[in-house]
C-alpha atoms as a PDB file:
ATOM      1  CA  MET A   1      -0.094   0.012  -0.082  1.00  0.00           C
ATOM      2  CA  ARG A   2       1.280   3.393  -0.905  1.00  0.00           C
ATOM      3  CA  TRP A   3       1.127   5.234   2.660  1.00  0.00           C
ATOM      4  CA  ILE A   4       1.149   8.873   0.975  1.00  0.00           C
ATOM      5  CA  VAL A   5      -2.172   8.034  -0.482  1.00  0.00           C
ATOM      6  CA  PHE A   6      -3.830   6.505   2.658  1.00  0.00           C
ATOM      7  CA  ILE A   7      -2.541   9.625   4.705  1.00  0.00           C
ATOM      8  CA  ILE A   8      -4.108  11.925   2.201  1.00  0.00           C
ATOM      9  CA  THR A   9      -7.340  10.107   1.699  1.00  0.00           C
ATOM     10  CA  ALA A  10      -7.568   9.727   5.586  1.00  0.00           C
ATOM     11  CA  CYS A  11      -7.073  13.373   6.028  1.00  0.00           C
ATOM     12  CA  VAL A  12      -9.617  14.147   3.596  1.00  0.00           C
ATOM     13  CA  PHE A  13     -12.096  11.734   4.921  1.00  0.00           C
ATOM     14  CA  VAL A  14     -11.675  12.705   8.639  1.00  0.00           C
ATOM     15  CA  GLU A  15     -12.114  16.499   7.663  1.00  0.00           C
ATOM     16  CA  LEU A  16     -15.218  15.621   5.786  1.00  0.00           C
ATOM     17  CA  ASP A  17     -16.556  13.867   8.856  1.00  0.00           C
ATOM     18  CA  HIS A  18     -16.116  16.882  10.717  1.00  0.00           C
ATOM     19  CA  SER A  19     -17.278  19.647   8.514  1.00  0.00           C
ATOM     20  CA  LEU A  20     -19.282  18.241   5.629  1.00  0.00           C
ATOM     21  CA  MET A  21     -21.093  15.239   7.194  1.00  0.00           C
ATOM     22  CA  HIS A  22     -23.321  17.506   9.707  1.00  0.00           C
ATOM     23  CA  ALA A  23     -25.116  18.740   6.512  1.00  0.00           C
ATOM     24  CA  LEU A  24     -26.324  15.061   5.921  1.00  0.00           C
ATOM     25  CA  ARG A  25     -27.829  14.661   9.451  1.00  0.00           C
ATOM     26  CA  TRP A  26     -31.089  12.518   9.519  1.00  0.00           C
ATOM     27  CA  GLY A  27     -33.712  15.037  10.168  1.00  0.00           C
ATOM     28  CA  ASP A  28     -33.372  16.991  13.220  1.00  0.00           C
ATOM     29  CA  SER A  29     -31.443  14.048  14.805  1.00  0.00           C
ATOM     30  CA  SER A  30     -27.598  14.017  15.327  1.00  0.00           C
ATOM     31  CA  VAL A  31     -27.401  10.717  13.308  1.00  0.00           C
ATOM     32  CA  ARG A  32     -24.931  11.497  10.483  1.00  0.00           C
ATOM     33  CA  PRO A  33     -22.870   9.319   8.412  1.00  0.00           C
ATOM     34  CA  VAL A  34     -19.028   8.596   9.295  1.00  0.00           C
ATOM     35  CA  MET A  35     -17.028   8.381   6.109  1.00  0.00           C
ATOM     36  CA  SER A  36     -13.885   7.299   7.879  1.00  0.00           C
ATOM     37  CA  SER A  37     -15.489   3.942   8.688  1.00  0.00           C
ATOM     38  CA  ALA A  38     -15.856   3.181   4.914  1.00  0.00           C
ATOM     39  CA  LEU A  39     -12.307   4.109   4.591  1.00  0.00           C
ATOM     40  CA  LEU A  40     -11.427   1.645   7.439  1.00  0.00           C
ATOM     41  CA  ALA A  41     -13.608  -0.956   5.743  1.00  0.00           C
ATOM     42  CA  PHE A  42     -11.959  -0.486   2.321  1.00  0.00           C
ATOM     43  CA  VAL A  43      -8.295  -0.724   3.571  1.00  0.00           C
ATOM     44  CA  ALA A  44      -9.354  -3.776   5.918  1.00  0.00           C
ATOM     45  CA  LEU A  45     -10.896  -5.611   2.858  1.00  0.00           C
ATOM     46  CA  THR A  46      -8.035  -4.959   0.344  1.00  0.00           C
ATOM     47  CA  ALA A  47      -4.761  -4.469   2.214  1.00  0.00           C
ATOM     48  CA  SER A  48      -2.438  -6.876   3.449  1.00  0.00           C
ATOM     49  CA  ARG A  49      -3.120  -8.195   7.046  1.00  0.00           C
ATOM     50  CA  SER A  50       0.417  -6.960   8.361  1.00  0.00           C
ATOM     51  CA  ILE A  51      -0.667  -3.265   7.095  1.00  0.00           C
ATOM     52  CA  VAL A  52      -4.291  -2.985   8.231  1.00  0.00           C
ATOM     53  CA  PRO A  53      -3.632  -2.610  12.045  1.00  0.00           C
ATOM     54  CA  TRP A  54      -1.227   0.460  11.452  1.00  0.00           C
ATOM     55  CA  ALA A  55      -3.677   2.022   9.072  1.00  0.00           C
ATOM     56  CA  ALA A  56      -6.508   1.571  11.456  1.00  0.00           C
ATOM     57  CA  LEU A  57      -4.296   3.149  14.439  1.00  0.00           C
ATOM     58  CA  ILE A  58      -3.344   6.138  12.106  1.00  0.00           C
ATOM     59  CA  LEU A  59      -6.875   6.730  11.119  1.00  0.00           C
ATOM     60  CA  GLY A  60      -8.129   6.490  14.794  1.00  0.00           C
ATOM     61  CA  LEU A  61      -5.434   8.918  15.819  1.00  0.00           C
ATOM     62  CA  LEU A  62      -6.532  11.413  13.176  1.00  0.00           C
ATOM     63  CA  VAL A  63      -9.942  11.160  14.555  1.00  0.00           C
ATOM     64  CA  ASP A  64      -8.822  11.559  18.256  1.00  0.00           C
ATOM     65  CA  LEU A  65      -6.780  14.600  17.290  1.00  0.00           C
ATOM     66  CA  LEU A  66      -9.697  16.336  15.593  1.00  0.00           C
ATOM     67  CA  GLU A  67     -12.455  15.380  18.124  1.00  0.00           C
ATOM     68  CA  PRO A  68     -11.963  17.036  21.468  1.00  0.00           C
ATOM     69  CA  TYR A  69     -14.414  16.468  24.278  1.00  0.00           C
ATOM     70  CA  SER A  70     -16.319  18.947  26.161  1.00  0.00           C
ATOM     71  CA  GLN A  71     -15.844  18.652  29.811  1.00  0.00           C
ATOM     72  CA  VAL A  72     -17.541  21.974  30.616  1.00  0.00           C
ATOM     73  CA  PRO A  73     -18.475  24.680  28.058  1.00  0.00           C
ATOM     74  CA  ASP A  74     -15.384  26.491  28.207  1.00  0.00           C
ATOM     75  CA  ARG A  75     -12.597  23.592  28.286  1.00  0.00           C
ATOM     76  CA  MET A  76     -11.988  21.170  25.564  1.00  0.00           C
ATOM     77  CA  VAL A  77     -10.027  17.997  26.428  1.00  0.00           C
ATOM     78  CA  THR A  78      -8.312  15.866  23.672  1.00  0.00           C
ATOM     79  CA  LEU A  79      -7.748  12.366  24.312  1.00  0.00           C
ATOM     80  CA  ILE A  80      -5.320  10.453  22.110  1.00  0.00           C
ATOM     81  CA  GLY A  81      -6.078   6.782  22.183  1.00  0.00           C
ATOM     82  CA  PRO A  82      -9.891   6.040  22.382  1.00  0.00           C
ATOM     83  CA  ASN A  83     -10.718   6.186  18.856  1.00  0.00           C
ATOM     84  CA  ALA A  84      -7.317   4.496  17.863  1.00  0.00           C
ATOM     85  CA  LEU A  85      -7.962   1.567  19.818  1.00  0.00           C
ATOM     86  CA  ALA A  86     -11.682   1.377  18.575  1.00  0.00           C
ATOM     87  CA  TYR A  87     -10.486   1.673  15.075  1.00  0.00           C
ATOM     88  CA  LEU A  88      -7.954  -1.058  15.648  1.00  0.00           C
ATOM     89  CA  ALA A  89     -10.694  -3.307  17.268  1.00  0.00           C
ATOM     90  CA  ALA A  90     -12.998  -2.720  14.159  1.00  0.00           C
ATOM     91  CA  ALA A  91     -10.317  -3.266  11.600  1.00  0.00           C
ATOM     92  CA  TYR A  92      -9.670  -6.454  13.432  1.00  0.00           C
ATOM     93  CA  VAL A  93     -13.232  -7.701  13.176  1.00  0.00           C
ATOM     94  CA  VAL A  94     -13.497  -6.699   9.527  1.00  0.00           C
ATOM     95  CA  MET A  95     -10.231  -8.509   8.697  1.00  0.00           C
ATOM     96  CA  GLN A  96     -11.781 -11.809  10.456  1.00  0.00           C
ATOM     97  CA  LEU A  97     -14.871 -11.191   8.238  1.00  0.00           C
ATOM     98  CA  ARG A  98     -13.329 -10.448   4.955  1.00  0.00           C
ATOM     99  CA  THR A  99     -13.301 -14.002   3.815  1.00  0.00           C
ATOM    100  CA  LEU A 100     -17.186 -14.176   3.889  1.00  0.00           C
ATOM    101  CA  VAL A 101     -17.696 -11.171   1.519  1.00  0.00           C
ATOM    102  CA  PHE A 102     -16.619 -10.203  -2.110  1.00  0.00           C
ATOM    103  CA  PRO A 103     -13.798  -7.671  -1.183  1.00  0.00           C
ATOM    104  CA  ARG A 104     -13.872  -5.776  -4.269  1.00  0.00           C
ATOM    105  CA  ARG A 105     -17.516  -4.850  -4.258  1.00  0.00           C
ATOM    106  CA  ALA A 106     -19.099  -1.561  -3.164  1.00  0.00           C
ATOM    107  CA  MET A 107     -21.887  -3.418  -1.128  1.00  0.00           C
ATOM    108  CA  SER A 108     -19.377  -5.195   0.830  1.00  0.00           C
ATOM    109  CA  ILE A 109     -17.574  -2.180   1.851  1.00  0.00           C
ATOM    110  CA  GLY A 110     -20.756  -0.563   2.658  1.00  0.00           C
ATOM    111  CA  PHE A 111     -21.861  -3.577   5.026  1.00  0.00           C
ATOM    112  CA  MET A 112     -18.373  -3.597   6.482  1.00  0.00           C
ATOM    113  CA  ALA A 113     -18.501   0.175   7.174  1.00  0.00           C
ATOM    114  CA  PHE A 114     -21.557  -0.613   9.262  1.00  0.00           C
ATOM    115  CA  VAL A 115     -19.785  -3.502  10.953  1.00  0.00           C
ATOM    116  CA  ALA A 116     -16.533  -1.436  11.417  1.00  0.00           C
ATOM    117  CA  HIS A 117     -18.568   1.628  12.952  1.00  0.00           C
ATOM    118  CA  ALA A 118     -20.689  -0.534  15.335  1.00  0.00           C
ATOM    119  CA  CYS A 119     -17.509  -2.381  16.407  1.00  0.00           C
ATOM    120  CA  SER A 120     -15.721   0.870  16.922  1.00  0.00           C
ATOM    121  CA  ALA A 121     -18.617   2.497  18.814  1.00  0.00           C
ATOM    122  CA  LEU A 122     -18.860  -0.510  21.327  1.00  0.00           C
ATOM    123  CA  VAL A 123     -15.051  -0.375  21.864  1.00  0.00           C
ATOM    124  CA  LEU A 124     -15.279   3.598  22.424  1.00  0.00           C
ATOM    125  CA  ILE A 125     -18.050   3.428  24.632  1.00  0.00           C
ATOM    126  CA  SER A 126     -16.596   0.657  26.718  1.00  0.00           C
ATOM    127  CA  ILE A 127     -13.534   2.837  27.163  1.00  0.00           C
ATOM    128  CA  PHE A 128     -15.464   5.837  28.162  1.00  0.00           C
ATOM    129  CA  VAL A 129     -17.592   4.036  30.594  1.00  0.00           C
ATOM    130  CA  ILE A 130     -14.407   2.399  32.189  1.00  0.00           C
ATOM    131  CA  ARG A 131     -12.540   5.843  32.117  1.00  0.00           C
ATOM    132  CA  SER A 132     -15.454   7.597  33.784  1.00  0.00           C
ATOM    133  CA  ARG A 133     -15.229   5.260  36.807  1.00  0.00           C
ATOM    134  CA  PHE A 134     -11.902   6.728  37.592  1.00  0.00           C
ATOM    135  CA  ASP A 135     -12.017  10.341  36.235  1.00  0.00           C
ATOM    136  CA  SER A 136     -14.462  13.276  36.534  1.00  0.00           C
ATOM    137  CA  VAL A 137     -14.476  14.317  32.905  1.00  0.00           C
ATOM    138  CA  VAL A 138     -17.801  13.995  31.290  1.00  0.00           C
ATOM    139  CA  TYR A 139     -17.814  12.074  28.214  1.00  0.00           C
ATOM    140  CA  PRO A 140     -20.239  12.677  25.156  1.00  0.00           C
ATOM    141  CA  THR A 141     -22.959  10.168  26.054  1.00  0.00           C
ATOM    142  CA  ARG A 142     -26.679  10.572  25.704  1.00  0.00           C
ATOM    143  CA  ASP A 143     -28.808   9.258  28.361  1.00  0.00           C
ATOM    144  CA  GLY A 144     -26.142   6.592  29.616  1.00  0.00           C
ATOM    145  CA  ALA A 145     -23.997   3.995  27.627  1.00  0.00           C
ATOM    146  CA  LEU A 146     -26.943   1.788  26.244  1.00  0.00           C
ATOM    147  CA  ALA A 147     -28.546   4.924  24.600  1.00  0.00           C
ATOM    148  CA  GLU A 148     -25.441   5.835  23.120  1.00  0.00           C
ATOM    149  CA  PHE A 149     -24.722   2.424  21.740  1.00  0.00           C
ATOM    150  CA  PHE A 150     -28.382   2.587  20.064  1.00  0.00           C
ATOM    151  CA  HIS A 151     -27.586   5.980  18.694  1.00  0.00           C
ATOM    152  CA  GLN A 152     -24.352   4.719  17.155  1.00  0.00           C
ATOM    153  CA  ILE A 153     -25.978   1.876  15.723  1.00  0.00           C
ATOM    154  CA  LEU A 154     -28.327   4.330  13.726  1.00  0.00           C
ATOM    155  CA  VAL A 155     -25.155   6.104  12.820  1.00  0.00           C
ATOM    156  CA  ALA A 156     -23.570   2.813  11.985  1.00  0.00           C
ATOM    157  CA  LEU A 157     -26.565   1.964   9.765  1.00  0.00           C
ATOM    158  CA  TYR A 158     -26.486   5.359   7.854  1.00  0.00           C
ATOM    159  CA  SER A 159     -22.594   5.063   7.446  1.00  0.00           C
ATOM    160  CA  GLY A 160     -23.151   1.723   5.659  1.00  0.00           C
ATOM    161  CA  LEU A 161     -25.608   3.254   3.267  1.00  0.00           C
ATOM    162  CA  VAL A 162     -23.283   6.054   2.482  1.00  0.00           C
ATOM    163  CA  GLY A 163     -20.427   3.696   2.425  1.00  0.00           C
ATOM    164  CA  VAL A 164     -21.666   1.813  -0.627  1.00  0.00           C
ATOM    165  CA  PRO A 165     -21.173   4.881  -3.193  1.00  0.00           C
ATOM    166  CA  VAL A 166     -17.992   5.678  -1.130  1.00  0.00           C
ATOM    167  CA  GLY A 167     -16.719   2.458  -1.562  1.00  0.00           C
ATOM    168  CA  TRP A 168     -17.515   2.465  -5.219  1.00  0.00           C
ATOM    169  CA  MET A 169     -15.406   5.646  -5.603  1.00  0.00           C
ATOM    170  CA  LEU A 170     -12.645   4.271  -3.589  1.00  0.00           C
ATOM    171  CA  LEU A 171     -12.718   0.963  -5.505  1.00  0.00           C
ATOM    172  CA  LYS A 172     -12.199   3.188  -8.753  1.00  0.00           C
ATOM    173  CA  THR A 173      -8.938   4.297  -7.372  1.00  0.00           C
ATOM    174  CA  LEU A 174      -7.984   0.812  -6.581  1.00  0.00           C
ATOM    175  CA  PRO A 175      -4.617   1.100  -8.910  1.00  0.00           C
ATOM    176  CA  VAL A 176      -3.490   4.250  -7.117  1.00  0.00           C
ATOM    177  CA  TRP A 177      -3.328   2.524  -3.622  1.00  0.00           C
ATOM    178  CA  GLY A 178      -0.754   0.050  -4.780  1.00  0.00           C
ATOM    179  CA  PHE A 179      -2.088  -2.885  -3.075  1.00  0.00           C
ATOM    180  CA  GLN A 180      -0.004  -6.221  -3.400  1.00  0.00           C
ATOM    181  CA  VAL A 181      -2.008  -8.974  -4.981  1.00  0.00           C
ATOM    182  CA  SER A 182      -1.259 -12.487  -4.177  1.00  0.00           C
ATOM    183  CA  MET A 183      -0.333 -14.902  -7.092  1.00  0.00           C
ATOM    184  CA  THR A 184      -3.368 -17.235  -6.347  1.00  0.00           C
ATOM    185  CA  ARG A 185      -5.698 -14.503  -6.997  1.00  0.00           C
ATOM    186  CA  MET A 186      -4.082 -13.517 -10.252  1.00  0.00           C
ATOM    187  CA  ALA A 187      -4.322 -17.014 -11.198  1.00  0.00           C
ATOM    188  CA  ILE A 188      -7.946 -17.111 -10.506  1.00  0.00           C
ATOM    189  CA  ARG A 189      -8.655 -14.154 -12.518  1.00  0.00           C
ATOM    190  CA  ARG A 190      -7.081 -15.644 -15.808  1.00  0.00           C
END
């Protein structure tokens, strides 16, 4: 994989998540798609197993750096690590499931974007619940961890729907990424 292509694409997708995706909110709710989960699903489905964890950590780190948490209205807290760990866990789940889907199909990327966001939300909420036992910082949850998880499932569904056209666009750029193809795949194609 060409890392410069991944870094540029990750920066663009994370920035789109924080600036443009608010315009795609579902009605008056805060349910909005997350394009970085589609990128995570794309990389986890197409890259080699040794590269995927590093890509997930980098993508999670970018999300951590751009997503501060509000403790009180006049103070923002930036935690480095929760999203990185959550994306790492989501990438692991997608890598385990990638043998069950056709990895170079837009529908597969959309479905795995749903799975990736649901898994990362579960890990992220768990980290916040555990951390809130030891810290007085108020983390962004709705009316508790279960309500936040159900909200994130709706976000994951919306991200999966948006992940289909995003996955199609990413698949069109597949030669630019420089993923290594094994010889057995090449033999099957011919």
